[in-house]
């Protein structure tokens, strides 16, 4: 079957490799920024309980490293 028929189309595309991009070196900030903590619960009481447990854990310092 030929694409030169009455409604046929003949097209060509030439692709080239994109120019190389040099990688930028990004330094990490010396102090970590703020990180949001998402708390959820099925009800207002459950949400409050989750928030209280999280606050207690953060206050205890368990598993946290301080600079």
PDB file of N, CA and C in Angstrom:
ATOM      1  N   UNK A   1       0.848  -1.150   0.000  1.00  0.00           N
ATOM      2  CA  UNK A   1       0.000   0.000   0.000  1.00  0.00           C
ATOM      3  C   UNK A   1       0.905   1.226   0.000  1.00  0.00           C
ATOM      4  N   UNK A   2       0.580   2.203  -0.781  1.00  0.00           N
ATOM      5  CA  UNK A   2       1.392   3.403  -0.905  1.00  0.00           C
ATOM      6  C   UNK A   2       0.667   4.580  -0.291  1.00  0.00           C
ATOM      7  N   UNK A   3       1.414   5.509   0.268  1.00  0.00           N
ATOM      8  CA  UNK A   3       0.782   6.701   0.834  1.00  0.00           C
ATOM      9  C   UNK A   3       0.690   7.818  -0.196  1.00  0.00           C
ATOM     10  N   UNK A   4       0.934   7.494  -1.464  1.00  0.00           N
ATOM     11  CA  UNK A   4       0.834   8.510  -2.522  1.00  0.00           C
ATOM     12  C   UNK A   4      -0.532   8.511  -3.187  1.00  0.00           C
ATOM     13  N   UNK A   5      -1.531   7.881  -2.574  1.00  0.00           N
ATOM     14  CA  UNK A   5      -2.860   7.847  -3.155  1.00  0.00           C
ATOM     15  C   UNK A   5      -3.514   9.215  -3.131  1.00  0.00           C
ATOM     16  N   UNK A   6      -4.766   9.272  -3.425  1.00  0.00           N
ATOM     17  CA  UNK A   6      -5.489  10.541  -3.516  1.00  0.00           C
ATOM     18  C   UNK A   6      -5.466  11.281  -2.180  1.00  0.00           C
ATOM     19  N   UNK A   7      -5.689  10.583  -1.076  1.00  0.00           N
ATOM     20  CA  UNK A   7      -5.710  11.258   0.218  1.00  0.00           C
ATOM     21  C   UNK A   7      -4.467  10.940   1.048  1.00  0.00           C
ATOM     22  N   UNK A   8      -3.459  10.354   0.430  1.00  0.00           N
ATOM     23  CA  UNK A   8      -2.260   9.948   1.151  1.00  0.00           C
ATOM     24  C   UNK A   8      -1.375  11.130   1.524  1.00  0.00           C
ATOM     25  N   UNK A   9      -0.566  10.934   2.550  1.00  0.00           N
ATOM     26  CA  UNK A   9       0.354  11.973   3.016  1.00  0.00           C
ATOM     27  C   UNK A   9       1.732  11.354   3.144  1.00  0.00           C
ATOM     28  N   UNK A  10       2.724  12.106   2.799  1.00  0.00           N
ATOM     29  CA  UNK A  10       4.092  11.649   2.924  1.00  0.00           C
ATOM     30  C   UNK A  10       4.831  12.691   3.760  1.00  0.00           C
ATOM     31  N   UNK A  11       5.399  12.302   4.905  1.00  0.00           N
ATOM     32  CA  UNK A  11       6.071  13.268   5.786  1.00  0.00           C
ATOM     33  C   UNK A  11       7.359  12.665   6.305  1.00  0.00           C
ATOM     34  N   UNK A  12       8.320  13.549   6.602  1.00  0.00           N
ATOM     35  CA  UNK A  12       9.599  13.137   7.168  1.00  0.00           C
ATOM     36  C   UNK A  12       9.907  14.052   8.341  1.00  0.00           C
ATOM     37  N   UNK A  13      10.532  13.478   9.366  1.00  0.00           N
ATOM     38  CA  UNK A  13      10.945  14.249  10.536  1.00  0.00           C
ATOM     39  C   UNK A  13      12.400  13.908  10.815  1.00  0.00           C
ATOM     40  N   UNK A  14      13.204  14.938  11.030  1.00  0.00           N
ATOM     41  CA  UNK A  14      14.607  14.730  11.368  1.00  0.00           C
ATOM     42  C   UNK A  14      14.797  15.210  12.793  1.00  0.00           C
ATOM     43  N   UNK A  15      15.219  14.310  13.663  1.00  0.00           N
ATOM     44  CA  UNK A  15      15.427  14.641  15.065  1.00  0.00           C
ATOM     45  C   UNK A  15      16.912  14.723  15.354  1.00  0.00           C
ATOM     46  N   UNK A  16      17.273  15.616  16.250  1.00  0.00           N
ATOM     47  CA  UNK A  16      18.656  15.810  16.640  1.00  0.00           C
ATOM     48  C   UNK A  16      18.780  15.625  18.136  1.00  0.00           C
ATOM     49  N   UNK A  17      19.948  15.236  18.610  1.00  0.00           N
ATOM     50  CA  UNK A  17      20.165  15.088  20.041  1.00  0.00           C
ATOM     51  C   UNK A  17      20.170  16.465  20.690  1.00  0.00           C
ATOM     52  N   UNK A  18      19.533  16.585  21.858  1.00  0.00           N
ATOM     53  CA  UNK A  18      19.488  17.858  22.580  1.00  0.00           C
ATOM     54  C   UNK A  18      20.884  18.212  23.075  1.00  0.00           C
ATOM     55  N   UNK A  19      21.176  19.507  23.178  1.00  0.00           N
ATOM     56  CA  UNK A  19      22.494  19.892  23.679  1.00  0.00           C
ATOM     57  C   UNK A  19      22.673  19.454  25.128  1.00  0.00           C
ATOM     58  N   UNK A  20      23.905  19.129  25.501  1.00  0.00           N
ATOM     59  CA  UNK A  20      24.197  18.671  26.851  1.00  0.00           C
ATOM     60  C   UNK A  20      24.070  19.834  27.835  1.00  0.00           C
ATOM     61  N   UNK A  21      23.442  19.575  28.957  1.00  0.00           N
ATOM     62  CA  UNK A  21      23.252  20.584  29.991  1.00  0.00           C
ATOM     63  C   UNK A  21      24.175  20.249  31.153  1.00  0.00           C
ATOM     64  N   UNK A  22      24.928  21.241  31.601  1.00  0.00           N
ATOM     65  CA  UNK A  22      25.826  20.980  32.724  1.00  0.00           C
ATOM     66  C   UNK A  22      25.030  20.967  34.021  1.00  0.00           C
ATOM     67  N   UNK A  23      25.386  20.054  34.922  1.00  0.00           N
ATOM     68  CA  UNK A  23      24.677  19.921  36.195  1.00  0.00           C
ATOM     69  C   UNK A  23      25.154  21.000  37.163  1.00  0.00           C
ATOM     70  N   UNK A  24      24.212  21.660  37.817  1.00  0.00           N
ATOM     71  CA  UNK A  24      24.546  22.664  38.813  1.00  0.00           C
ATOM     72  C   UNK A  24      24.737  21.990  40.165  1.00  0.00           C
ATOM     73  N   UNK A  25      25.712  22.450  40.913  1.00  0.00           N
ATOM     74  CA  UNK A  25      25.939  21.929  42.253  1.00  0.00           C
ATOM     75  C   UNK A  25      25.159  22.805  43.224  1.00  0.00           C
ATOM     76  N   UNK A  26      24.226  22.186  43.933  1.00  0.00           N
ATOM     77  CA  UNK A  26      23.401  22.905  44.900  1.00  0.00           C
ATOM     78  C   UNK A  26      23.809  22.456  46.291  1.00  0.00           C
ATOM     79  N   UNK A  27      24.215  23.395  47.109  1.00  0.00           N
ATOM     80  CA  UNK A  27      24.623  23.065  48.466  1.00  0.00           C
ATOM     81  C   UNK A  27      23.409  23.027  49.384  1.00  0.00           C
ATOM     82  N   UNK A  28      23.411  22.063  50.292  1.00  0.00           N
ATOM     83  CA  UNK A  28      22.323  21.949  51.258  1.00  0.00           C
ATOM     84  C   UNK A  28      22.440  23.084  52.277  1.00  0.00           C
ATOM     85  N   UNK A  29      21.315  23.615  52.732  1.00  0.00           N
ATOM     86  CA  UNK A  29      21.378  24.667  53.750  1.00  0.00           C
ATOM     87  C   UNK A  29      21.995  24.130  55.038  1.00  0.00           C
ATOM     88  N   UNK A  30      22.673  25.005  55.767  1.00  0.00           N
ATOM     89  CA  UNK A  30      23.335  24.564  56.994  1.00  0.00           C
ATOM     90  C   UNK A  30      22.319  24.169  58.069  1.00  0.00           C
ATOM     91  N   UNK A  31      21.188  24.813  58.107  1.00  0.00           N
ATOM     92  CA  UNK A  31      20.126  24.487  59.062  1.00  0.00           C
ATOM     93  C   UNK A  31      18.918  23.956  58.298  1.00  0.00           C
ATOM     94  N   UNK A  32      18.332  22.869  58.739  1.00  0.00           N
ATOM     95  CA  UNK A  32      17.134  22.371  58.052  1.00  0.00           C
ATOM     96  C   UNK A  32      15.976  23.351  58.216  1.00  0.00           C
ATOM     97  N   UNK A  33      15.128  23.424  57.218  1.00  0.00           N
ATOM     98  CA  UNK A  33      13.982  24.316  57.275  1.00  0.00           C
ATOM     99  C   UNK A  33      12.819  23.699  58.015  1.00  0.00           C
ATOM    100  N   UNK A  34      11.723  24.384  57.996  1.00  0.00           N
ATOM    101  CA  UNK A  34      10.512  23.873  58.632  1.00  0.00           C
ATOM    102  C   UNK A  34       9.928  22.745  57.802  1.00  0.00           C
ATOM    103  N   UNK A  35       9.395  21.762  58.473  1.00  0.00           N
ATOM    104  CA  UNK A  35       8.785  20.622  57.805  1.00  0.00           C
ATOM    105  C   UNK A  35       7.361  20.479  58.314  1.00  0.00           C
ATOM    106  N   UNK A  36       6.364  20.486  57.429  1.00  0.00           N
ATOM    107  CA  UNK A  36       4.991  20.314  57.899  1.00  0.00           C
ATOM    108  C   UNK A  36       4.762  18.885  58.395  1.00  0.00           C
ATOM    109  N   UNK A  37       3.939  18.761  59.396  1.00  0.00           N
ATOM    110  CA  UNK A  37       3.559  17.450  59.928  1.00  0.00           C
ATOM    111  C   UNK A  37       2.054  17.323  59.747  1.00  0.00           C
ATOM    112  N   UNK A  38       1.634  16.310  59.024  1.00  0.00           N
ATOM    113  CA  UNK A  38       0.218  16.103  58.750  1.00  0.00           C
ATOM    114  C   UNK A  38      -0.344  15.128  59.775  1.00  0.00           C
ATOM    115  N   UNK A  39      -1.431  15.516  60.401  1.00  0.00           N
ATOM    116  CA  UNK A  39      -2.093  14.671  61.400  1.00  0.00           C
ATOM    117  C   UNK A  39      -3.529  14.491  60.936  1.00  0.00           C
ATOM    118  N   UNK A  40      -4.020  13.268  60.992  1.00  0.00           N
ATOM    119  CA  UNK A  40      -5.407  13.036  60.588  1.00  0.00           C
ATOM    120  C   UNK A  40      -6.097  12.126  61.598  1.00  0.00           C
ATOM    121  N   UNK A  41      -7.406  12.187  61.588  1.00  0.00           N
ATOM    122  CA  UNK A  41      -8.214  11.348  62.461  1.00  0.00           C
ATOM    123  C   UNK A  41      -9.619  11.238  61.914  1.00  0.00           C
ATOM    124  N   UNK A  42     -10.320  10.172  62.276  1.00  0.00           N
ATOM    125  CA  UNK A  42     -11.675   9.938  61.775  1.00  0.00           C
ATOM    126  C   UNK A  42     -12.696  10.881  62.403  1.00  0.00           C
ATOM    127  N   UNK A  43     -12.353  11.461  63.556  1.00  0.00           N
ATOM    128  CA  UNK A  43     -13.267  12.393  64.221  1.00  0.00           C
ATOM    129  C   UNK A  43     -12.422  13.477  64.886  1.00  0.00           C
ATOM    130  N   UNK A  44     -13.083  14.489  65.417  1.00  0.00           N
ATOM    131  CA  UNK A  44     -12.364  15.565  66.102  1.00  0.00           C
ATOM    132  C   UNK A  44     -11.604  15.024  67.313  1.00  0.00           C
ATOM    133  N   UNK A  45     -12.223  14.092  68.043  1.00  0.00           N
ATOM    134  CA  UNK A  45     -11.563  13.512  69.207  1.00  0.00           C
ATOM    135  C   UNK A  45     -10.348  12.676  68.792  1.00  0.00           C
ATOM    136  N   UNK A  46     -10.477  11.915  67.713  1.00  0.00           N
ATOM    137  CA  UNK A  46      -9.357  11.109  67.223  1.00  0.00           C
ATOM    138  C   UNK A  46      -8.215  12.008  66.745  1.00  0.00           C
ATOM    139  N   UNK A  47      -8.556  13.088  66.081  1.00  0.00           N
ATOM    140  CA  UNK A  47      -7.553  14.035  65.612  1.00  0.00           C
ATOM    141  C   UNK A  47      -6.815  14.658  66.790  1.00  0.00           C
ATOM    142  N   UNK A  48      -7.565  15.049  67.793  1.00  0.00           N
ATOM    143  CA  UNK A  48      -6.966  15.638  68.996  1.00  0.00           C
ATOM    144  C   UNK A  48      -6.032  14.631  69.663  1.00  0.00           C
ATOM    145  N   UNK A  49      -6.452  13.363  69.750  1.00  0.00           N
ATOM    146  CA  UNK A  49      -5.629  12.314  70.342  1.00  0.00           C
ATOM    147  C   UNK A  49      -4.332  12.100  69.573  1.00  0.00           C
ATOM    148  N   UNK A  50      -4.428  12.081  68.243  1.00  0.00           N
ATOM    149  CA  UNK A  50      -3.231  11.926  67.417  1.00  0.00           C
ATOM    150  C   UNK A  50      -2.266  13.083  67.651  1.00  0.00           C
ATOM    151  N   UNK A  51      -2.793  14.306  67.680  1.00  0.00           N
ATOM    152  CA  UNK A  51      -1.958  15.490  67.888  1.00  0.00           C
ATOM    153  C   UNK A  51      -1.295  15.456  69.265  1.00  0.00           C
ATOM    154  N   UNK A  52      -2.024  15.016  70.276  1.00  0.00           N
ATOM    155  CA  UNK A  52      -1.460  14.930  71.631  1.00  0.00           C
ATOM    156  C   UNK A  52      -0.349  13.882  71.700  1.00  0.00           C
ATOM    157  N   UNK A  53      -0.552  12.717  71.054  1.00  0.00           N
ATOM    158  CA  UNK A  53       0.488  11.681  71.044  1.00  0.00           C
ATOM    159  C   UNK A  53       1.730  12.161  70.292  1.00  0.00           C
ATOM    160  N   UNK A  54       1.530  12.855  69.193  1.00  0.00           N
ATOM    161  CA  UNK A  54       2.660  13.381  68.435  1.00  0.00           C
ATOM    162  C   UNK A  54       3.420  14.419  69.255  1.00  0.00           C
ATOM    163  N   UNK A  55       2.693  15.318  69.927  1.00  0.00           N
ATOM    164  CA  UNK A  55       3.332  16.346  70.753  1.00  0.00           C
ATOM    165  C   UNK A  55       4.127  15.697  71.888  1.00  0.00           C
ATOM    166  N   UNK A  56       3.584  14.651  72.505  1.00  0.00           N
ATOM    167  CA  UNK A  56       4.289  13.962  73.590  1.00  0.00           C
ATOM    168  C   UNK A  56       5.558  13.302  73.068  1.00  0.00           C
ATOM    169  N   UNK A  57       5.484  12.674  71.901  1.00  0.00           N
ATOM    170  CA  UNK A  57       6.649  12.014  71.325  1.00  0.00           C
ATOM    171  C   UNK A  57       7.732  13.038  70.980  1.00  0.00           C
ATOM    172  N   UNK A  58       7.326  14.164  70.374  1.00  0.00           N
ATOM    173  CA  UNK A  58       8.298  15.205  70.032  1.00  0.00           C
ATOM    174  C   UNK A  58       8.937  15.802  71.283  1.00  0.00           C
ATOM    175  N   UNK A  59       8.164  15.959  72.334  1.00  0.00           N
ATOM    176  CA  UNK A  59       8.689  16.518  73.596  1.00  0.00           C
ATOM    177  C   UNK A  59       9.677  15.573  74.266  1.00  0.00           C
ATOM    178  N   UNK A  60       9.484  14.266  74.077  1.00  0.00           N
ATOM    179  CA  UNK A  60      10.366  13.292  74.721  1.00  0.00           C
ATOM    180  C   UNK A  60      11.743  13.239  74.069  1.00  0.00           C
ATOM    181  N   UNK A  61      11.858  13.705  72.829  1.00  0.00           N
ATOM    182  CA  UNK A  61      13.135  13.680  72.124  1.00  0.00           C
ATOM    183  C   UNK A  61      13.508  12.317  71.597  1.00  0.00           C
ATOM    184  N   UNK A  62      12.597  11.371  71.593  1.00  0.00           N
ATOM    185  CA  UNK A  62      12.880  10.014  71.119  1.00  0.00           C
ATOM    186  C   UNK A  62      13.232  10.008  69.634  1.00  0.00           C
ATOM    187  N   UNK A  63      14.416   9.528  69.353  1.00  0.00           N
ATOM    188  CA  UNK A  63      14.809   9.353  67.943  1.00  0.00           C
ATOM    189  C   UNK A  63      15.126  10.638  67.219  1.00  0.00           C
ATOM    190  N   UNK A  64      15.222  11.736  67.914  1.00  0.00           N
ATOM    191  CA  UNK A  64      15.523  12.997  67.249  1.00  0.00           C
ATOM    192  C   UNK A  64      16.966  13.381  67.514  1.00  0.00           C
ATOM    193  N   UNK A  65      17.609  13.905  66.496  1.00  0.00           N
ATOM    194  CA  UNK A  65      18.968  14.416  66.707  1.00  0.00           C
ATOM    195  C   UNK A  65      18.919  15.932  66.619  1.00  0.00           C
ATOM    196  N   UNK A  66      19.591  16.591  67.528  1.00  0.00           N
ATOM    197  CA  UNK A  66      19.621  18.055  67.573  1.00  0.00           C
ATOM    198  C   UNK A  66      21.010  18.528  67.210  1.00  0.00           C
ATOM    199  N   UNK A  67      21.077  19.600  66.488  1.00  0.00           N
ATOM    200  CA  UNK A  67      22.391  20.172  66.125  1.00  0.00           C
ATOM    201  C   UNK A  67      22.759  21.248  67.094  1.00  0.00           C
TER     202      UNK A  67
END
